[in-house]
Amino acid sequence: MPKYIDFHAQMPAIPPEALSQVRASVGKTDTDGVKNINAYFTKDGQGYCVTEAPNPDAVCQHHKAMGIALDKGEVHEITTTLV
């Protein structure tokens, strides 16, 4: 399954309970076929998400279901990892 990283220039405010749900979903594949690998948030409000998904459209739909807008141009396939 392809891996993707996506970028959010400005993350919306995420309530603690929603963040807990995202944290609990790491490593699990959702019904939409997308698996959350990890997410990184910067102190200035940016965010990066790493997922496994069938395609970039699935990544966008997965984010939309969580109430987070994501443009397909912000989704990039990962072709090489060092670890």
Protein backbone atom coordinates (compact mmCIF):
# COMPACT_ATOMS: atom_id res chain seq x y z
CA MET A 1 0.00 0.00 0.00
CA PRO A 2 1.42 3.43 -0.89
CA LYS A 3 2.42 5.82 1.88
CA TYR A 4 1.67 9.55 1.77
CA ILE A 5 2.64 12.66 3.68
CA ASP A 6 0.39 15.69 3.64
CA PHE A 7 0.87 19.23 4.82
CA HIS A 8 -1.48 21.63 6.60
CA ALA A 9 -0.29 25.24 6.60
CA GLN A 10 -2.72 26.01 9.42
CA MET A 11 -4.36 23.24 11.41
CA PRO A 12 -7.80 23.94 12.82
CA ALA A 13 -8.14 23.89 16.60
CA ILE A 14 -8.48 20.25 17.59
CA PRO A 15 -10.33 19.54 20.83
CA PRO A 16 -8.43 17.24 23.23
CA GLU A 17 -10.99 14.43 22.84
CA ALA A 18 -10.63 14.52 19.03
CA LEU A 19 -6.85 14.44 19.37
CA SER A 20 -7.21 11.40 21.62
CA GLN A 21 -9.28 9.68 18.93
CA VAL A 22 -6.65 10.42 16.30
CA ARG A 23 -3.93 9.12 18.63
CA ALA A 24 -5.93 5.92 19.22
CA SER A 25 -6.34 5.41 15.46
CA VAL A 26 -2.59 5.35 14.73
CA GLY A 27 -1.66 1.98 13.25
CA LYS A 28 -5.25 1.01 12.47
CA THR A 29 -6.88 0.89 9.05
CA ASP A 30 -10.22 2.72 8.85
CA THR A 31 -13.21 1.52 6.84
CA ASP A 32 -12.10 3.90 4.06
CA GLY A 33 -8.88 1.86 3.61
CA VAL A 34 -6.64 4.58 5.08
CA LYS A 35 -4.21 3.79 7.89
CA ASN A 36 -2.90 6.60 10.09
CA ILE A 37 0.84 6.10 10.54
CA ASN A 38 1.63 9.28 12.47
CA ALA A 39 0.94 13.00 12.70
CA TYR A 40 3.19 15.89 13.61
CA PHE A 41 2.07 19.33 14.76
CA THR A 42 4.32 22.36 15.02
CA LYS A 43 4.07 25.03 17.69
CA ASP A 44 3.07 27.57 15.02
CA GLY A 45 -0.01 25.59 13.96
CA GLN A 46 1.23 23.59 11.00
CA GLY A 47 0.61 19.89 10.64
CA TYR A 48 1.99 16.89 8.78
CA CYS A 49 0.22 13.54 8.52
CA VAL A 50 1.66 10.24 7.33
CA THR A 51 -0.81 7.66 6.07
CA GLU A 52 -1.08 4.50 4.01
CA ALA A 53 -3.86 4.76 1.46
CA PRO A 54 -4.93 3.45 -1.93
CA ASN A 55 -4.46 6.90 -3.52
CA PRO A 56 -4.31 10.67 -2.75
CA ASP A 57 -8.09 11.02 -3.15
CA ALA A 58 -8.60 8.53 -0.30
CA VAL A 59 -6.28 10.62 1.90
CA CYS A 60 -8.34 13.75 1.15
CA GLN A 61 -11.63 11.98 1.85
CA HIS A 62 -10.22 10.57 5.09
CA HIS A 63 -9.32 14.08 6.27
CA LYS A 64 -12.68 15.46 5.16
CA ALA A 65 -14.46 12.85 7.29
CA MET A 66 -12.54 14.23 10.28
CA GLY A 67 -13.55 17.79 9.42
CA ILE A 68 -10.13 18.81 8.13
CA ALA A 69 -9.95 20.28 4.63
CA LEU A 70 -7.11 18.96 2.50
CA ASP A 71 -6.34 19.77 -1.12
CA LYS A 72 -5.02 16.93 -3.28
CA GLY A 73 -1.99 19.09 -4.13
CA GLU A 74 -0.93 18.91 -0.47
CA VAL A 75 -0.67 15.09 -0.57
CA HIS A 76 2.69 13.64 -1.62
CA GLU A 77 3.59 9.98 -2.10
CA ILE A 78 6.55 8.78 -0.03
CA THR A 79 8.91 6.74 -2.18
CA THR A 80 11.90 6.41 0.16
CA THR A 81 12.22 6.09 3.92
CA LEU A 82 15.40 5.84 5.94
CA VAL A 83 14.00 3.89 8.87
